[in-house]
PDB file of N, CA and C in Angstrom:
ATOM      1  N   MET A   1     119.634  43.406 246.829  1.00  0.00           N
ATOM      2  CA  MET A   1     120.761  43.156 246.248  1.00  0.00           C
ATOM      3  C   MET A   1     120.924  43.399 244.865  1.00  0.00           C
ATOM      4  N   LYS A   2     121.953  43.948 243.973  1.00  0.00           N
ATOM      5  CA  LYS A   2     121.746  44.480 242.479  1.00  0.00           C
ATOM      6  C   LYS A   2     121.712  43.291 241.931  1.00  0.00           C
ATOM      7  N   GLN A   3     121.112  43.711 241.057  1.00  0.00           N
ATOM      8  CA  GLN A   3     121.055  42.584 239.612  1.00  0.00           C
ATOM      9  C   GLN A   3     121.634  42.743 238.457  1.00  0.00           C
ATOM     10  N   LEU A   4     122.613  42.106 237.826  1.00  0.00           N
ATOM     11  CA  LEU A   4     123.475  42.415 236.882  1.00  0.00           C
ATOM     12  C   LEU A   4     123.241  41.578 235.859  1.00  0.00           C
ATOM     13  N   VAL A   5     123.106  42.050 234.368  1.00  0.00           N
ATOM     14  CA  VAL A   5     122.423  41.067 233.408  1.00  0.00           C
ATOM     15  C   VAL A   5     123.876  41.409 232.012  1.00  0.00           C
ATOM     16  N   ILE A   6     124.485  40.329 231.910  1.00  0.00           N
ATOM     17  CA  ILE A   6     125.521  40.261 231.568  1.00  0.00           C
ATOM     18  C   ILE A   6     125.517  39.438 230.011  1.00  0.00           C
ATOM     19  N   ASN A   7     125.492  39.923 229.073  1.00  0.00           N
ATOM     20  CA  ASN A   7     125.539  39.168 227.529  1.00  0.00           C
ATOM     21  C   ASN A   7     126.831  38.704 227.284  1.00  0.00           C
ATOM     22  N   ILE A   8     126.923  37.250 227.217  1.00  0.00           N
ATOM     23  CA  ILE A   8     128.111  36.468 226.915  1.00  0.00           C
ATOM     24  C   ILE A   8     128.142  35.766 225.703  1.00  0.00           C
ATOM     25  N   PRO A   9     128.761  36.179 224.322  1.00  0.00           N
ATOM     26  CA  PRO A   9     128.896  35.555 223.482  1.00  0.00           C
ATOM     27  C   PRO A   9     128.618  33.929 223.445  1.00  0.00           C
ATOM     28  N   ASP A  10     128.048  33.477 222.448  1.00  0.00           N
ATOM     29  CA  ASP A  10     127.769  32.031 222.463  1.00  0.00           C
ATOM     30  C   ASP A  10     129.186  31.445 222.538  1.00  0.00           C
ATOM     31  N   PHE A  11     130.105  31.546 221.736  1.00  0.00           N
ATOM     32  CA  PHE A  11     131.224  30.833 221.667  1.00  0.00           C
ATOM     33  C   PHE A  11     132.148  30.883 222.983  1.00  0.00           C
ATOM     34  N   VAL A  12     131.852  31.633 224.140  1.00  0.00           N
ATOM     35  CA  VAL A  12     132.331  31.467 225.368  1.00  0.00           C
ATOM     36  C   VAL A  12     131.512  30.508 225.889  1.00  0.00           C
ATOM     37  N   ASN A  13     132.084  29.314 226.483  1.00  0.00           N
ATOM     38  CA  ASN A  13     131.486  28.252 226.830  1.00  0.00           C
ATOM     39  C   ASN A  13     131.358  28.270 228.450  1.00  0.00           C
ATOM     40  N   LEU A  14     130.554  29.076 228.759  1.00  0.00           N
ATOM     41  CA  LEU A  14     130.336  29.600 230.209  1.00  0.00           C
ATOM     42  C   LEU A  14     128.892  29.212 230.734  1.00  0.00           C
ATOM     43  N   ASP A  15     128.811  28.675 231.847  1.00  0.00           N
ATOM     44  CA  ASP A  15     127.143  28.670 231.975  1.00  0.00           C
ATOM     45  C   ASP A  15     127.108  29.465 233.566  1.00  0.00           C
ATOM     46  N   GLU A  16     125.678  29.827 233.722  1.00  0.00           N
ATOM     47  CA  GLU A  16     125.512  30.852 234.599  1.00  0.00           C
ATOM     48  C   GLU A  16     126.484  30.740 236.112  1.00  0.00           C
ATOM     49  N   LYS A  17     126.576  29.432 236.634  1.00  0.00           N
ATOM     50  CA  LYS A  17     127.294  28.945 237.952  1.00  0.00           C
ATOM     51  C   LYS A  17     128.783  28.946 237.629  1.00  0.00           C
ATOM     52  N   GLU A  18     129.314  28.829 236.563  1.00  0.00           N
ATOM     53  CA  GLU A  18     130.834  29.133 236.222  1.00  0.00           C
ATOM     54  C   GLU A  18     131.009  30.792 236.345  1.00  0.00           C
ATOM     55  N   VAL A  19     130.099  31.599 235.671  1.00  0.00           N
ATOM     56  CA  VAL A  19     130.183  33.066 236.043  1.00  0.00           C
ATOM     57  C   VAL A  19     129.950  33.674 237.266  1.00  0.00           C
ATOM     58  N   ALA A  20     129.166  32.969 237.968  1.00  0.00           N
ATOM     59  CA  ALA A  20     129.022  33.589 239.224  1.00  0.00           C
ATOM     60  C   ALA A  20     130.188  33.284 240.295  1.00  0.00           C
ATOM     61  N   MET A  21     130.671  31.961 239.993  1.00  0.00           N
ATOM     62  CA  MET A  21     131.712  31.382 240.765  1.00  0.00           C
ATOM     63  C   MET A  21     133.123  32.168 240.233  1.00  0.00           C
ATOM     64  N   THR A  22     133.370  32.905 239.183  1.00  0.00           N
ATOM     65  CA  THR A  22     134.566  33.364 239.018  1.00  0.00           C
ATOM     66  C   THR A  22     134.358  35.024 239.358  1.00  0.00           C
ATOM     67  N   LEU A  23     133.165  35.565 239.423  1.00  0.00           N
ATOM     68  CA  LEU A  23     132.944  36.858 239.998  1.00  0.00           C
ATOM     69  C   LEU A  23     133.029  36.803 241.317  1.00  0.00           C
ATOM     70  N   ALA A  24     132.226  35.488 242.002  1.00  0.00           N
ATOM     71  CA  ALA A  24     132.637  35.498 243.350  1.00  0.00           C
ATOM     72  C   ALA A  24     133.895  35.282 244.068  1.00  0.00           C
ATOM     73  N   SER A  25     134.698  34.280 243.222  1.00  0.00           N
ATOM     74  CA  SER A  25     136.099  34.097 243.698  1.00  0.00           C
ATOM     75  C   SER A  25     136.842  35.495 243.793  1.00  0.00           C
ATOM     76  N   LYS A  26     136.556  36.387 242.437  1.00  0.00           N
ATOM     77  CA  LYS A  26     137.415  37.567 242.522  1.00  0.00           C
ATOM     78  C   LYS A  26     137.080  38.210 243.530  1.00  0.00           C
ATOM     79  N   LEU A  27     135.858  38.704 243.676  1.00  0.00           N
ATOM     80  CA  LEU A  27     135.564  39.356 245.030  1.00  0.00           C
ATOM     81  C   LEU A  27     135.732  39.026 246.325  1.00  0.00           C
ATOM     82  N   TYR A  28     135.857  37.588 246.480  1.00  0.00           N
ATOM     83  CA  TYR A  28     136.537  37.210 247.620  1.00  0.00           C
ATOM     84  C   TYR A  28     137.978  37.352 247.999  1.00  0.00           C
ATOM     85  N   GLU A  29     138.776  37.052 246.712  1.00  0.00           N
ATOM     86  CA  GLU A  29     140.139  37.188 246.805  1.00  0.00           C
ATOM     87  C   GLU A  29     140.560  39.016 246.842  1.00  0.00           C
ATOM     88  N   GLU A  30     139.734  39.667 246.303  1.00  0.00           N
ATOM     89  CA  GLU A  30     140.081  41.281 246.941  1.00  0.00           C
ATOM     90  C   GLU A  30     139.327  41.746 248.177  1.00  0.00           C
ATOM     91  N   GLY A  31     138.645  40.873 248.895  1.00  0.00           N
ATOM     92  CA  GLY A  31     138.151  41.068 250.123  1.00  0.00           C
ATOM     93  C   GLY A  31     136.889  41.944 250.142  1.00  0.00           C
ATOM     94  N   LYS A  32     136.345  42.050 248.951  1.00  0.00           N
ATOM     95  CA  LYS A  32     135.043  42.609 248.832  1.00  0.00           C
ATOM     96  C   LYS A  32     134.111  41.810 249.672  1.00  0.00           C
ATOM     97  N   LEU A  33     134.206  40.400 249.472  1.00  0.00           N
ATOM     98  CA  LEU A  33     132.915  39.519 250.320  1.00  0.00           C
ATOM     99  C   LEU A  33     134.032  38.550 251.256  1.00  0.00           C
ATOM    100  N   SER A  34     132.963  38.353 252.069  1.00  0.00           N
ATOM    101  CA  SER A  34     133.448  37.161 252.869  1.00  0.00           C
ATOM    102  C   SER A  34     133.263  35.770 252.360  1.00  0.00           C
ATOM    103  N   LEU A  35     133.894  34.547 253.274  1.00  0.00           N
ATOM    104  CA  LEU A  35     133.558  33.527 252.375  1.00  0.00           C
ATOM    105  C   LEU A  35     132.080  32.824 252.346  1.00  0.00           C
ATOM    106  N   GLY A  36     131.389  33.306 253.215  1.00  0.00           N
ATOM    107  CA  GLY A  36     130.009  32.997 253.278  1.00  0.00           C
ATOM    108  C   GLY A  36     129.095  33.855 252.436  1.00  0.00           C
ATOM    109  N   GLN A  37     129.583  35.199 252.129  1.00  0.00           N
ATOM    110  CA  GLN A  37     128.939  36.130 251.331  1.00  0.00           C
ATOM    111  C   GLN A  37     129.064  35.340 249.711  1.00  0.00           C
ATOM    112  N   ALA A  38     130.465  35.153 249.539  1.00  0.00           N
ATOM    113  CA  ALA A  38     130.718  34.568 248.184  1.00  0.00           C
ATOM    114  C   ALA A  38     130.088  33.391 247.872  1.00  0.00           C
ATOM    115  N   ALA A  39     130.231  32.412 248.824  1.00  0.00           N
ATOM    116  CA  ALA A  39     129.267  31.193 248.844  1.00  0.00           C
ATOM    117  C   ALA A  39     127.969  31.410 248.330  1.00  0.00           C
ATOM    118  N   GLU A  40     127.385  32.512 249.000  1.00  0.00           N
ATOM    119  CA  GLU A  40     125.947  32.708 248.739  1.00  0.00           C
ATOM    120  C   GLU A  40     125.715  33.044 247.491  1.00  0.00           C
ATOM    121  N   LEU A  41     126.515  34.072 246.989  1.00  0.00           N
ATOM    122  CA  LEU A  41     126.371  34.596 245.449  1.00  0.00           C
ATOM    123  C   LEU A  41     126.284  33.311 244.584  1.00  0.00           C
ATOM    124  N   VAL A  42     127.213  32.376 244.616  1.00  0.00           N
ATOM    125  CA  VAL A  42     126.975  31.307 243.917  1.00  0.00           C
ATOM    126  C   VAL A  42     125.883  30.206 244.280  1.00  0.00           C
ATOM    127  N   GLY A  43     125.450  30.426 245.172  1.00  0.00           N
ATOM    128  CA  GLY A  43     124.578  29.403 245.801  1.00  0.00           C
ATOM    129  C   GLY A  43     124.553  28.036 246.349  1.00  0.00           C
ATOM    130  N   ILE A  44     126.083  27.788 246.961  1.00  0.00           N
ATOM    131  CA  ILE A  44     126.634  26.814 247.320  1.00  0.00           C
ATOM    132  C   ILE A  44     126.923  26.903 249.048  1.00  0.00           C
ATOM    133  N   SER A  45     127.605  25.905 249.662  1.00  0.00           N
ATOM    134  CA  SER A  45     127.770  25.875 250.785  1.00  0.00           C
ATOM    135  C   SER A  45     129.196  26.972 250.893  1.00  0.00           C
ATOM    136  N   LYS A  46     129.434  26.855 252.154  1.00  0.00           N
ATOM    137  CA  LYS A  46     130.938  27.733 252.195  1.00  0.00           C
ATOM    138  C   LYS A  46     132.075  26.533 252.044  1.00  0.00           C
ATOM    139  N   ARG A  47     131.492  25.607 252.782  1.00  0.00           N
ATOM    140  CA  ARG A  47     132.752  24.163 252.346  1.00  0.00           C
ATOM    141  C   ARG A  47     133.014  24.140 250.787  1.00  0.00           C
ATOM    142  N   ALA A  48     131.756  24.021 250.132  1.00  0.00           N
ATOM    143  CA  ALA A  48     132.087  23.884 248.417  1.00  0.00           C
ATOM    144  C   ALA A  48     132.726  24.983 247.884  1.00  0.00           C
ATOM    145  N   PHE A  49     132.184  26.169 248.243  1.00  0.00           N
ATOM    146  CA  PHE A  49     132.985  27.233 247.757  1.00  0.00           C
ATOM    147  C   PHE A  49     134.366  27.178 248.102  1.00  0.00           C
ATOM    148  N   ALA A  50     134.930  26.873 249.356  1.00  0.00           N
ATOM    149  CA  ALA A  50     136.035  26.861 249.942  1.00  0.00           C
ATOM    150  C   ALA A  50     137.059  25.834 248.959  1.00  0.00           C
ATOM    151  N   GLU A  51     136.494  24.749 248.614  1.00  0.00           N
ATOM    152  CA  GLU A  51     137.157  23.648 247.842  1.00  0.00           C
ATOM    153  C   GLU A  51     137.372  23.886 246.435  1.00  0.00           C
ATOM    154  N   MET A  52     136.107  24.757 245.863  1.00  0.00           N
ATOM    155  CA  MET A  52     136.606  25.462 244.508  1.00  0.00           C
ATOM    156  C   MET A  52     137.422  26.626 244.374  1.00  0.00           C
ATOM    157  N   LEU A  53     137.840  26.871 245.319  1.00  0.00           N
ATOM    158  CA  LEU A  53     138.777  28.131 245.107  1.00  0.00           C
ATOM    159  C   LEU A  53     140.322  27.858 244.420  1.00  0.00           C
ATOM    160  N   GLY A  54     140.414  26.984 244.665  1.00  0.00           N
ATOM    161  CA  GLY A  54     141.953  26.401 244.038  1.00  0.00           C
ATOM    162  C   GLY A  54     141.730  26.116 242.582  1.00  0.00           C
ATOM    163  N   LYS A  55     140.620  25.920 242.167  1.00  0.00           N
ATOM    164  CA  LYS A  55     140.465  25.740 240.728  1.00  0.00           C
ATOM    165  C   LYS A  55     140.460  27.376 239.945  1.00  0.00           C
ATOM    166  N   TYR A  56     140.453  28.468 240.770  1.00  0.00           N
ATOM    167  CA  TYR A  56     140.091  29.822 240.091  1.00  0.00           C
ATOM    168  C   TYR A  56     141.482  30.427 240.788  1.00  0.00           C
ATOM    169  N   ASN A  57     142.524  29.871 241.046  1.00  0.00           N
ATOM    170  CA  ASN A  57     144.000  30.116 241.774  1.00  0.00           C
ATOM    171  C   ASN A  57     143.810  31.300 242.631  1.00  0.00           C
ATOM    172  N   VAL A  58     142.777  31.061 243.685  1.00  0.00           N
ATOM    173  CA  VAL A  58     142.592  31.929 244.886  1.00  0.00           C
ATOM    174  C   VAL A  58     142.815  30.981 245.974  1.00  0.00           C
ATOM    175  N   SER A  59     143.563  31.761 246.984  1.00  0.00           N
ATOM    176  CA  SER A  59     143.755  31.086 248.098  1.00  0.00           C
ATOM    177  C   SER A  59     142.834  31.104 249.205  1.00  0.00           C
ATOM    178  N   LEU A  60     142.451  30.204 249.706  1.00  0.00           N
ATOM    179  CA  LEU A  60     141.342  30.211 250.854  1.00  0.00           C
ATOM    180  C   LEU A  60     141.652  31.413 251.906  1.00  0.00           C
ATOM    181  N   PHE A  61     143.093  31.091 252.059  1.00  0.00           N
ATOM    182  CA  PHE A  61     143.408  32.197 253.384  1.00  0.00           C
ATOM    183  C   PHE A  61     143.771  33.385 252.610  1.00  0.00           C
ATOM    184  N   ASN A  62     142.662  34.379 252.478  1.00  0.00           N
ATOM    185  CA  ASN A  62     142.606  35.532 252.290  1.00  0.00           C
ATOM    186  C   ASN A  62     143.359  36.473 253.348  1.00  0.00           C
ATOM    187  N   TYR A  63     144.530  36.670 253.233  1.00  0.00           N
ATOM    188  CA  TYR A  63     145.372  37.169 254.112  1.00  0.00           C
ATOM    189  C   TYR A  63     146.696  38.006 254.113  1.00  0.00           C
ATOM    190  N   PRO A  64     146.383  39.559 253.929  1.00  0.00           N
ATOM    191  CA  PRO A  64     147.469  40.392 253.435  1.00  0.00           C
ATOM    192  C   PRO A  64     148.891  40.117 254.139  1.00  0.00           C
ATOM    193  N   PRO A  65     149.769  40.152 253.080  1.00  0.00           N
ATOM    194  CA  PRO A  65     151.340  39.987 253.447  1.00  0.00           C
ATOM    195  C   PRO A  65     151.865  40.878 255.013  1.00  0.00           C
ATOM    196  N   SER A  66     151.072  42.107 254.923  1.00  0.00           N
ATOM    197  CA  SER A  66     151.498  42.871 255.777  1.00  0.00           C
ATOM    198  C   SER A  66     151.101  42.291 257.309  1.00  0.00           C
ATOM    199  N   ASP A  67     149.930  41.955 257.443  1.00  0.00           N
ATOM    200  CA  ASP A  67     149.077  41.223 258.375  1.00  0.00           C
ATOM    201  C   ASP A  67     150.151  39.771 258.930  1.00  0.00           C
ATOM    202  N   LEU A  68     150.595  39.155 257.945  1.00  0.00           N
ATOM    203  CA  LEU A  68     151.242  37.864 258.044  1.00  0.00           C
ATOM    204  C   LEU A  68     152.743  38.468 258.905  1.00  0.00           C
ATOM    205  N   SER A  69     153.257  39.144 258.330  1.00  0.00           N
ATOM    206  CA  SER A  69     154.645  39.899 258.765  1.00  0.00           C
ATOM    207  C   SER A  69     154.435  40.111 260.048  1.00  0.00           C
ATOM    208  N   ARG A  70     153.289  40.865 260.566  1.00  0.00           N
ATOM    209  CA  ARG A  70     153.384  41.356 262.040  1.00  0.00           C
ATOM    210  C   ARG A  70     152.893  40.462 262.779  1.00  0.00           C
ATOM    211  N   ASP A  71     152.371  39.064 262.325  1.00  0.00           N
ATOM    212  CA  ASP A  71     151.988  38.194 263.302  1.00  0.00           C
ATOM    213  C   ASP A  71     152.955  37.242 263.570  1.00  0.00           C
ATOM    214  N   VAL A  72     153.979  37.140 262.536  1.00  0.00           N
ATOM    215  CA  VAL A  72     155.199  36.351 262.580  1.00  0.00           C
ATOM    216  C   VAL A  72     156.038  37.298 263.741  1.00  0.00           C
ATOM    217  N   LYS A  73     156.190  38.492 263.740  1.00  0.00           N
ATOM    218  CA  LYS A  73     156.851  39.322 264.556  1.00  0.00           C
ATOM    219  C   LYS A  73     156.323  39.294 266.124  1.00  0.00           C
ATOM    220  N   ASN A  74     155.112  39.017 266.002  1.00  0.00           N
ATOM    221  CA  ASN A  74     154.716  38.545 267.425  1.00  0.00           C
ATOM    222  C   ASN A  74     154.411  37.595 267.955  1.00  0.00           C
ATOM    223  N   ALA A  75     154.820  36.532 267.254  1.00  0.00           N
ATOM    224  CA  ALA A  75     154.770  35.170 267.678  1.00  0.00           C
ATOM    225  C   ALA A  75     155.729  34.721 268.818  1.00  0.00           C
TER     226      ALA A  75
END
């Protein structure tokens, strides 16, 4: 696993868990991590991660519009 060190200014009020959640939710949103991988990155359960996604404006249903259109046509 890669390790990344980020220096965050003192005036930015974020703890390690919030930074990890922000990163994990963005990587999940972009499809670079699965729900389980993102939850593991943060150190929480998949259920807890899924419940917190809304706070970061990320949908649990990471489904491209093109796939949705195809599924509707095939229904």
